[in-house]
């Protein structure tokens, strides 16, 4: 899951992994505007540099086109994207 978070006046983008036992793992955090494809690409590049391997993965994002663009540019067709609906409860 990729989601934006607000900390006081700062914004960050968070990558959260969910394993086969349904446990959540914080994978990465990148400070910057959450609607910016460059910030998302930097987060994904950091994940890859630290050893994240992608064969075919499901990425859950909100309606932000910047994140979809960054996913496609970084992972190509192996990134399966599911859009979620924001119901105002924060990160799922």
PDB file of N, CA and C in Angstrom:
ATOM      1  N   UNK A   1       0.848  -1.162   0.000  1.00  0.00           N
ATOM      2  CA  UNK A   1       0.000   0.000   0.000  1.00  0.00           C
ATOM      3  C   UNK A   1       0.897   1.228   0.000  1.00  0.00           C
ATOM      4  N   UNK A   2       0.488   2.220  -0.771  1.00  0.00           N
ATOM      5  CA  UNK A   2       1.209   3.484  -0.831  1.00  0.00           C
ATOM      6  C   UNK A   2       0.228   4.564  -0.400  1.00  0.00           C
ATOM      7  N   UNK A   3       0.594   5.339   0.621  1.00  0.00           N
ATOM      8  CA  UNK A   3      -0.319   6.364   1.104  1.00  0.00           C
ATOM      9  C   UNK A   3       0.456   7.580   1.571  1.00  0.00           C
ATOM     10  N   UNK A   4      -0.195   8.726   1.509  1.00  0.00           N
ATOM     11  CA  UNK A   4       0.385   9.965   2.001  1.00  0.00           C
ATOM     12  C   UNK A   4       0.001  10.190   3.450  1.00  0.00           C
ATOM     13  N   UNK A   5       0.924  10.756   4.197  1.00  0.00           N
ATOM     14  CA  UNK A   5       0.698  11.050   5.609  1.00  0.00           C
ATOM     15  C   UNK A   5       1.063  12.497   5.889  1.00  0.00           C
ATOM     16  N   UNK A   6       0.362  13.108   6.813  1.00  0.00           N
ATOM     17  CA  UNK A   6       0.681  14.471   7.227  1.00  0.00           C
ATOM     18  C   UNK A   6       1.191  14.443   8.664  1.00  0.00           C
ATOM     19  N   UNK A   7       2.319  15.111   8.895  1.00  0.00           N
ATOM     20  CA  UNK A   7       2.899  15.261  10.224  1.00  0.00           C
ATOM     21  C   UNK A   7       3.024  16.751  10.490  1.00  0.00           C
ATOM     22  N   UNK A   8       2.125  17.285  11.284  1.00  0.00           N
ATOM     23  CA  UNK A   8       2.067  18.722  11.544  1.00  0.00           C
ATOM     24  C   UNK A   8       2.014  19.444  10.199  1.00  0.00           C
ATOM     25  N   UNK A   9       3.058  20.153   9.806  1.00  0.00           N
ATOM     26  CA  UNK A   9       3.041  20.861   8.525  1.00  0.00           C
ATOM     27  C   UNK A   9       3.837  20.136   7.448  1.00  0.00           C
ATOM     28  N   UNK A  10       4.326  18.950   7.732  1.00  0.00           N
ATOM     29  CA  UNK A  10       5.124  18.184   6.784  1.00  0.00           C
ATOM     30  C   UNK A  10       4.286  17.066   6.158  1.00  0.00           C
ATOM     31  N   UNK A  11       4.661  16.662   4.961  1.00  0.00           N
ATOM     32  CA  UNK A  11       3.987  15.556   4.280  1.00  0.00           C
ATOM     33  C   UNK A  11       5.011  14.479   3.944  1.00  0.00           C
ATOM     34  N   UNK A  12       4.541  13.235   3.890  1.00  0.00           N
ATOM     35  CA  UNK A  12       5.414  12.122   3.549  1.00  0.00           C
ATOM     36  C   UNK A  12       4.607  11.062   2.823  1.00  0.00           C
ATOM     37  N   UNK A  13       5.308  10.241   2.074  1.00  0.00           N
ATOM     38  CA  UNK A  13       4.715   9.118   1.365  1.00  0.00           C
ATOM     39  C   UNK A  13       5.229   7.847   2.021  1.00  0.00           C
ATOM     40  N   UNK A  14       4.320   6.931   2.348  1.00  0.00           N
ATOM     41  CA  UNK A  14       4.658   5.702   3.059  1.00  0.00           C
ATOM     42  C   UNK A  14       4.356   4.491   2.191  1.00  0.00           C
ATOM     43  N   UNK A  15       5.288   3.547   2.168  1.00  0.00           N
ATOM     44  CA  UNK A  15       5.063   2.251   1.525  1.00  0.00           C
ATOM     45  C   UNK A  15       4.890   1.222   2.639  1.00  0.00           C
ATOM     46  N   UNK A  16       3.767   0.548   2.621  1.00  0.00           N
ATOM     47  CA  UNK A  16       3.435  -0.437   3.643  1.00  0.00           C
ATOM     48  C   UNK A  16       3.227  -1.785   2.957  1.00  0.00           C
ATOM     49  N   UNK A  17       3.963  -2.802   3.396  1.00  0.00           N
ATOM     50  CA  UNK A  17       3.798  -4.137   2.841  1.00  0.00           C
ATOM     51  C   UNK A  17       2.924  -4.991   3.735  1.00  0.00           C
ATOM     52  N   UNK A  18       2.178  -5.887   3.133  1.00  0.00           N
ATOM     53  CA  UNK A  18       1.346  -6.825   3.882  1.00  0.00           C
ATOM     54  C   UNK A  18       1.747  -8.218   3.428  1.00  0.00           C
ATOM     55  N   UNK A  19       2.214  -9.045   4.373  1.00  0.00           N
ATOM     56  CA  UNK A  19       2.703 -10.374   4.002  1.00  0.00           C
ATOM     57  C   UNK A  19       1.557 -11.387   3.929  1.00  0.00           C
ATOM     58  N   UNK A  20       1.902 -12.627   3.601  1.00  0.00           N
ATOM     59  CA  UNK A  20       0.883 -13.674   3.411  1.00  0.00           C
ATOM     60  C   UNK A  20       0.161 -14.032   4.708  1.00  0.00           C
ATOM     61  N   UNK A  21       0.724 -13.643   5.851  1.00  0.00           N
ATOM     62  CA  UNK A  21       0.053 -13.856   7.137  1.00  0.00           C
ATOM     63  C   UNK A  21      -0.725 -12.612   7.571  1.00  0.00           C
ATOM     64  N   UNK A  22      -0.892 -11.669   6.666  1.00  0.00           N
ATOM     65  CA  UNK A  22      -1.630 -10.427   6.866  1.00  0.00           C
ATOM     66  C   UNK A  22      -0.978  -9.488   7.874  1.00  0.00           C
ATOM     67  N   UNK A  23       0.325  -9.627   8.088  1.00  0.00           N
ATOM     68  CA  UNK A  23       1.066  -8.706   8.956  1.00  0.00           C
ATOM     69  C   UNK A  23       1.538  -7.513   8.132  1.00  0.00           C
ATOM     70  N   UNK A  24       1.473  -6.330   8.724  1.00  0.00           N
ATOM     71  CA  UNK A  24       1.891  -5.110   8.046  1.00  0.00           C
ATOM     72  C   UNK A  24       3.342  -4.802   8.374  1.00  0.00           C
ATOM     73  N   UNK A  25       4.063  -4.312   7.371  1.00  0.00           N
ATOM     74  CA  UNK A  25       5.474  -3.963   7.519  1.00  0.00           C
ATOM     75  C   UNK A  25       5.711  -2.609   6.861  1.00  0.00           C
ATOM     76  N   UNK A  26       6.246  -1.650   7.616  1.00  0.00           N
ATOM     77  CA  UNK A  26       6.634  -0.369   7.025  1.00  0.00           C
ATOM     78  C   UNK A  26       7.869  -0.618   6.164  1.00  0.00           C
ATOM     79  N   UNK A  27       7.763  -0.360   4.874  1.00  0.00           N
ATOM     80  CA  UNK A  27       8.854  -0.627   3.944  1.00  0.00           C
ATOM     81  C   UNK A  27       9.693   0.607   3.654  1.00  0.00           C
ATOM     82  N   UNK A  28       9.057   1.770   3.647  1.00  0.00           N
ATOM     83  CA  UNK A  28       9.801   2.973   3.339  1.00  0.00           C
ATOM     84  C   UNK A  28       8.969   4.214   3.566  1.00  0.00           C
ATOM     85  N   UNK A  29       9.668   5.324   3.731  1.00  0.00           N
ATOM     86  CA  UNK A  29       9.040   6.611   3.979  1.00  0.00           C
ATOM     87  C   UNK A  29       9.856   7.657   3.248  1.00  0.00           C
ATOM     88  N   UNK A  30       9.186   8.547   2.530  1.00  0.00           N
ATOM     89  CA  UNK A  30       9.884   9.603   1.805  1.00  0.00           C
ATOM     90  C   UNK A  30       9.177  10.928   2.069  1.00  0.00           C
ATOM     91  N   UNK A  31       9.920  11.919   2.557  1.00  0.00           N
ATOM     92  CA  UNK A  31       9.344  13.228   2.819  1.00  0.00           C
ATOM     93  C   UNK A  31       9.134  13.973   1.509  1.00  0.00           C
ATOM     94  N   UNK A  32       8.023  14.663   1.416  1.00  0.00           N
ATOM     95  CA  UNK A  32       7.736  15.476   0.236  1.00  0.00           C
ATOM     96  C   UNK A  32       6.258  15.469  -0.069  1.00  0.00           C
ATOM     97  N   UNK A  33       5.871  16.254  -1.047  1.00  0.00           N
ATOM     98  CA  UNK A  33       4.469  16.336  -1.429  1.00  0.00           C
ATOM     99  C   UNK A  33       3.984  14.971  -1.908  1.00  0.00           C
ATOM    100  N   UNK A  34       2.887  14.528  -1.350  1.00  0.00           N
ATOM    101  CA  UNK A  34       2.410  13.177  -1.633  1.00  0.00           C
ATOM    102  C   UNK A  34       1.777  13.046  -3.008  1.00  0.00           C
ATOM    103  N   UNK A  35       1.488  14.150  -3.669  1.00  0.00           N
ATOM    104  CA  UNK A  35       0.886  14.109  -5.000  1.00  0.00           C
ATOM    105  C   UNK A  35       1.941  14.313  -6.080  1.00  0.00           C
ATOM    106  N   UNK A  36       3.194  14.058  -5.769  1.00  0.00           N
ATOM    107  CA  UNK A  36       4.300  14.316  -6.675  1.00  0.00           C
ATOM    108  C   UNK A  36       4.896  12.993  -7.145  1.00  0.00           C
ATOM    109  N   UNK A  37       4.919  12.775  -8.469  1.00  0.00           N
ATOM    110  CA  UNK A  37       5.453  11.523  -9.020  1.00  0.00           C
ATOM    111  C   UNK A  37       6.941  11.373  -8.705  1.00  0.00           C
ATOM    112  N   UNK A  38       7.674  12.482  -8.646  1.00  0.00           N
ATOM    113  CA  UNK A  38       9.102  12.417  -8.333  1.00  0.00           C
ATOM    114  C   UNK A  38       9.360  11.873  -6.934  1.00  0.00           C
ATOM    115  N   UNK A  39       8.547  12.264  -5.979  1.00  0.00           N
ATOM    116  CA  UNK A  39       8.675  11.765  -4.607  1.00  0.00           C
ATOM    117  C   UNK A  39       8.379  10.265  -4.588  1.00  0.00           C
ATOM    118  N   UNK A  40       7.331   9.856  -5.285  1.00  0.00           N
ATOM    119  CA  UNK A  40       6.979   8.433  -5.338  1.00  0.00           C
ATOM    120  C   UNK A  40       8.089   7.625  -6.016  1.00  0.00           C
ATOM    121  N   UNK A  41       8.635   8.130  -7.126  1.00  0.00           N
ATOM    122  CA  UNK A  41       9.716   7.415  -7.808  1.00  0.00           C
ATOM    123  C   UNK A  41      10.942   7.294  -6.919  1.00  0.00           C
ATOM    124  N   UNK A  42      11.249   8.338  -6.135  1.00  0.00           N
ATOM    125  CA  UNK A  42      12.383   8.274  -5.208  1.00  0.00           C
ATOM    126  C   UNK A  42      12.145   7.221  -4.132  1.00  0.00           C
ATOM    127  N   UNK A  43      10.913   7.130  -3.637  1.00  0.00           N
ATOM    128  CA  UNK A  43      10.574   6.105  -2.645  1.00  0.00           C
ATOM    129  C   UNK A  43      10.751   4.714  -3.246  1.00  0.00           C
ATOM    130  N   UNK A  44      10.241   4.499  -4.455  1.00  0.00           N
ATOM    131  CA  UNK A  44      10.355   3.186  -5.095  1.00  0.00           C
ATOM    132  C   UNK A  44      11.816   2.835  -5.391  1.00  0.00           C
ATOM    133  N   UNK A  45      12.598   3.813  -5.838  1.00  0.00           N
ATOM    134  CA  UNK A  45      14.023   3.575  -6.106  1.00  0.00           C
ATOM    135  C   UNK A  45      14.754   3.165  -4.835  1.00  0.00           C
ATOM    136  N   UNK A  46      14.408   3.803  -3.726  1.00  0.00           N
ATOM    137  CA  UNK A  46      15.013   3.453  -2.442  1.00  0.00           C
ATOM    138  C   UNK A  46      14.653   2.022  -2.045  1.00  0.00           C
ATOM    139  N   UNK A  47      13.394   1.639  -2.252  1.00  0.00           N
ATOM    140  CA  UNK A  47      12.977   0.269  -1.922  1.00  0.00           C
ATOM    141  C   UNK A  47      13.756  -0.749  -2.740  1.00  0.00           C
ATOM    142  N   UNK A  48      13.920  -0.478  -4.027  1.00  0.00           N
ATOM    143  CA  UNK A  48      14.663  -1.392  -4.907  1.00  0.00           C
ATOM    144  C   UNK A  48      16.121  -1.456  -4.481  1.00  0.00           C
ATOM    145  N   UNK A  49      16.718  -0.293  -4.194  1.00  0.00           N
ATOM    146  CA  UNK A  49      18.120  -0.245  -3.770  1.00  0.00           C
ATOM    147  C   UNK A  49      18.354  -1.050  -2.491  1.00  0.00           C
ATOM    148  N   UNK A  50      17.335  -1.079  -1.616  1.00  0.00           N
ATOM    149  CA  UNK A  50      17.455  -1.817  -0.358  1.00  0.00           C
ATOM    150  C   UNK A  50      17.053  -3.283  -0.487  1.00  0.00           C
ATOM    151  N   UNK A  51      16.750  -3.737  -1.711  1.00  0.00           N
ATOM    152  CA  UNK A  51      16.556  -5.163  -1.913  1.00  0.00           C
ATOM    153  C   UNK A  51      15.145  -5.624  -2.225  1.00  0.00           C
ATOM    154  N   UNK A  52      14.185  -4.719  -2.377  1.00  0.00           N
ATOM    155  CA  UNK A  52      12.835  -5.139  -2.736  1.00  0.00           C
ATOM    156  C   UNK A  52      12.852  -5.758  -4.122  1.00  0.00           C
ATOM    157  N   UNK A  53      12.330  -6.947  -4.228  1.00  0.00           N
ATOM    158  CA  UNK A  53      12.246  -7.601  -5.534  1.00  0.00           C
ATOM    159  C   UNK A  53      10.792  -7.623  -5.980  1.00  0.00           C
ATOM    160  N   UNK A  54      10.609  -7.403  -7.251  1.00  0.00           N
ATOM    161  CA  UNK A  54       9.268  -7.359  -7.819  1.00  0.00           C
ATOM    162  C   UNK A  54       9.175  -8.395  -8.924  1.00  0.00           C
ATOM    163  N   UNK A  55       8.356  -9.388  -8.724  1.00  0.00           N
ATOM    164  CA  UNK A  55       8.039 -10.325  -9.797  1.00  0.00           C
ATOM    165  C   UNK A  55       6.697  -9.883 -10.376  1.00  0.00           C
ATOM    166  N   UNK A  56       5.689  -9.917  -9.569  1.00  0.00           N
ATOM    167  CA  UNK A  56       4.361  -9.381  -9.898  1.00  0.00           C
ATOM    168  C   UNK A  56       3.715  -9.074  -8.567  1.00  0.00           C
ATOM    169  N   UNK A  57       3.451  -7.822  -8.316  1.00  0.00           N
ATOM    170  CA  UNK A  57       2.944  -7.391  -7.023  1.00  0.00           C
ATOM    171  C   UNK A  57       1.717  -6.516  -7.208  1.00  0.00           C
ATOM    172  N   UNK A  58       0.871  -6.527  -6.199  1.00  0.00           N
ATOM    173  CA  UNK A  58      -0.306  -5.680  -6.157  1.00  0.00           C
ATOM    174  C   UNK A  58       0.029  -4.433  -5.355  1.00  0.00           C
ATOM    175  N   UNK A  59      -0.166  -3.277  -5.953  1.00  0.00           N
ATOM    176  CA  UNK A  59       0.033  -2.001  -5.286  1.00  0.00           C
ATOM    177  C   UNK A  59      -1.334  -1.375  -5.091  1.00  0.00           C
ATOM    178  N   UNK A  60      -1.655  -0.997  -3.852  1.00  0.00           N
ATOM    179  CA  UNK A  60      -2.925  -0.348  -3.548  1.00  0.00           C
ATOM    180  C   UNK A  60      -2.638   1.129  -3.325  1.00  0.00           C
ATOM    181  N   UNK A  61      -3.307   1.975  -4.127  1.00  0.00           N
ATOM    182  CA  UNK A  61      -3.102   3.417  -4.045  1.00  0.00           C
ATOM    183  C   UNK A  61      -4.461   4.102  -4.038  1.00  0.00           C
ATOM    184  N   UNK A  62      -4.454   5.388  -3.696  1.00  0.00           N
ATOM    185  CA  UNK A  62      -5.696   6.149  -3.779  1.00  0.00           C
ATOM    186  C   UNK A  62      -5.836   6.690  -5.207  1.00  0.00           C
ATOM    187  N   UNK A  63      -6.649   7.667  -5.397  1.00  0.00           N
ATOM    188  CA  UNK A  63      -6.943   8.192  -6.731  1.00  0.00           C
ATOM    189  C   UNK A  63      -5.853   9.101  -7.293  1.00  0.00           C
ATOM    190  N   UNK A  64      -4.665   9.074  -6.747  1.00  0.00           N
ATOM    191  CA  UNK A  64      -3.590   9.960  -7.170  1.00  0.00           C
ATOM    192  C   UNK A  64      -2.931   9.455  -8.445  1.00  0.00           C
ATOM    193  N   UNK A  65      -3.030  10.227  -9.515  1.00  0.00           N
ATOM    194  CA  UNK A  65      -2.411   9.843 -10.780  1.00  0.00           C
ATOM    195  C   UNK A  65      -0.897   9.843 -10.710  1.00  0.00           C
ATOM    196  N   UNK A  66      -0.317  10.685  -9.859  1.00  0.00           N
ATOM    197  CA  UNK A  66       1.140  10.757  -9.742  1.00  0.00           C
ATOM    198  C   UNK A  66       1.712   9.418  -9.276  1.00  0.00           C
ATOM    199  N   UNK A  67       1.050   8.766  -8.343  1.00  0.00           N
ATOM    200  CA  UNK A  67       1.551   7.474  -7.845  1.00  0.00           C
ATOM    201  C   UNK A  67       1.433   6.398  -8.913  1.00  0.00           C
ATOM    202  N   UNK A  68       0.329   6.389  -9.661  1.00  0.00           N
ATOM    203  CA  UNK A  68       0.166   5.410 -10.741  1.00  0.00           C
ATOM    204  C   UNK A  68       1.256   5.607 -11.800  1.00  0.00           C
ATOM    205  N   UNK A  69       1.514   6.850 -12.150  1.00  0.00           N
ATOM    206  CA  UNK A  69       2.558   7.158 -13.123  1.00  0.00           C
ATOM    207  C   UNK A  69       3.913   6.666 -12.628  1.00  0.00           C
ATOM    208  N   UNK A  70       4.236   6.961 -11.382  1.00  0.00           N
ATOM    209  CA  UNK A  70       5.520   6.535 -10.814  1.00  0.00           C
ATOM    210  C   UNK A  70       5.633   5.015 -10.766  1.00  0.00           C
ATOM    211  N   UNK A  71       4.545   4.320 -10.428  1.00  0.00           N
ATOM    212  CA  UNK A  71       4.564   2.855 -10.411  1.00  0.00           C
ATOM    213  C   UNK A  71       4.842   2.302 -11.803  1.00  0.00           C
ATOM    214  N   UNK A  72       4.154   2.797 -12.802  1.00  0.00           N
ATOM    215  CA  UNK A  72       4.338   2.323 -14.176  1.00  0.00           C
ATOM    216  C   UNK A  72       5.745   2.617 -14.676  1.00  0.00           C
ATOM    217  N   UNK A  73       6.264   3.810 -14.384  1.00  0.00           N
ATOM    218  CA  UNK A  73       7.600   4.177 -14.834  1.00  0.00           C
ATOM    219  C   UNK A  73       8.681   3.362 -14.137  1.00  0.00           C
ATOM    220  N   UNK A  74       8.440   2.979 -12.896  1.00  0.00           N
ATOM    221  CA  UNK A  74       9.442   2.238 -12.130  1.00  0.00           C
ATOM    222  C   UNK A  74       9.348   0.733 -12.350  1.00  0.00           C
ATOM    223  N   UNK A  75       8.137   0.179 -12.289  1.00  0.00           N
ATOM    224  CA  UNK A  75       7.969  -1.272 -12.308  1.00  0.00           C
ATOM    225  C   UNK A  75       7.368  -1.817 -13.593  1.00  0.00           C
ATOM    226  N   UNK A  76       6.876  -0.958 -14.464  1.00  0.00           N
ATOM    227  CA  UNK A  76       6.304  -1.413 -15.728  1.00  0.00           C
ATOM    228  C   UNK A  76       5.064  -2.268 -15.522  1.00  0.00           C
ATOM    229  N   UNK A  77       4.944  -3.303 -16.357  1.00  0.00           N
ATOM    230  CA  UNK A  77       3.750  -4.152 -16.347  1.00  0.00           C
ATOM    231  C   UNK A  77       3.674  -5.126 -15.177  1.00  0.00           C
ATOM    232  N   UNK A  78       4.751  -5.287 -14.412  1.00  0.00           N
ATOM    233  CA  UNK A  78       4.685  -6.220 -13.278  1.00  0.00           C
ATOM    234  C   UNK A  78       3.920  -5.635 -12.101  1.00  0.00           C
ATOM    235  N   UNK A  79       3.674  -4.319 -12.132  1.00  0.00           N
ATOM    236  CA  UNK A  79       2.924  -3.659 -11.060  1.00  0.00           C
ATOM    237  C   UNK A  79       1.440  -3.726 -11.373  1.00  0.00           C
ATOM    238  N   UNK A  80       0.719  -4.488 -10.584  1.00  0.00           N
ATOM    239  CA  UNK A  80      -0.732  -4.530 -10.683  1.00  0.00           C
ATOM    240  C   UNK A  80      -1.260  -3.486  -9.711  1.00  0.00           C
ATOM    241  N   UNK A  81      -2.055  -2.548 -10.214  1.00  0.00           N
ATOM    242  CA  UNK A  81      -2.498  -1.417  -9.406  1.00  0.00           C
ATOM    243  C   UNK A  81      -3.982  -1.541  -9.091  1.00  0.00           C
ATOM    244  N   UNK A  82      -4.305  -1.431  -7.815  1.00  0.00           N
ATOM    245  CA  UNK A  82      -5.690  -1.398  -7.353  1.00  0.00           C
ATOM    246  C   UNK A  82      -5.919  -0.048  -6.690  1.00  0.00           C
ATOM    247  N   UNK A  83      -6.934   0.649  -7.118  1.00  0.00           N
ATOM    248  CA  UNK A  83      -7.263   1.930  -6.496  1.00  0.00           C
ATOM    249  C   UNK A  83      -8.247   1.706  -5.365  1.00  0.00           C
ATOM    250  N   UNK A  84      -7.994   2.333  -4.246  1.00  0.00           N
ATOM    251  CA  UNK A  84      -8.900   2.240  -3.105  1.00  0.00           C
ATOM    252  C   UNK A  84      -9.698   3.528  -2.981  1.00  0.00           C
ATOM    253  N   UNK A  85     -10.731   3.489  -2.207  1.00  0.00           N
ATOM    254  CA  UNK A  85     -11.506   4.683  -1.951  1.00  0.00           C
ATOM    255  C   UNK A  85     -11.132   5.205  -0.577  1.00  0.00           C
ATOM    256  N   UNK A  86     -10.848   6.484  -0.513  1.00  0.00           N
ATOM    257  CA  UNK A  86     -10.495   7.117   0.754  1.00  0.00           C
ATOM    258  C   UNK A  86     -11.784   7.376   1.533  1.00  0.00           C
ATOM    259  N   UNK A  87     -11.892   6.734   2.672  1.00  0.00           N
ATOM    260  CA  UNK A  87     -13.089   6.936   3.497  1.00  0.00           C
ATOM    261  C   UNK A  87     -12.784   7.777   4.726  1.00  0.00           C
ATOM    262  N   UNK A  88     -11.594   8.420   4.695  1.00  0.00           N
ATOM    263  CA  UNK A  88     -11.262   9.341   5.764  1.00  0.00           C
ATOM    264  C   UNK A  88     -10.744   8.698   7.032  1.00  0.00           C
ATOM    265  N   UNK A  89     -10.349   7.436   6.970  1.00  0.00           N
ATOM    266  CA  UNK A  89      -9.871   6.762   8.170  1.00  0.00           C
ATOM    267  C   UNK A  89      -8.355   6.666   8.207  1.00  0.00           C
ATOM    268  N   UNK A  90      -7.680   7.207   7.211  1.00  0.00           N
ATOM    269  CA  UNK A  90      -6.227   7.126   7.172  1.00  0.00           C
ATOM    270  C   UNK A  90      -5.791   5.841   6.514  1.00  0.00           C
ATOM    271  N   UNK A  91      -4.571   5.453   6.768  1.00  0.00           N
ATOM    272  CA  UNK A  91      -3.995   4.267   6.146  1.00  0.00           C
ATOM    273  C   UNK A  91      -4.727   3.030   6.595  1.00  0.00           C
ATOM    274  N   UNK A  92      -5.096   2.195   5.654  1.00  0.00           N
ATOM    275  CA  UNK A  92      -5.843   0.974   5.959  1.00  0.00           C
ATOM    276  C   UNK A  92      -5.009  -0.030   6.705  1.00  0.00           C
TER     277      UNK A  92
END
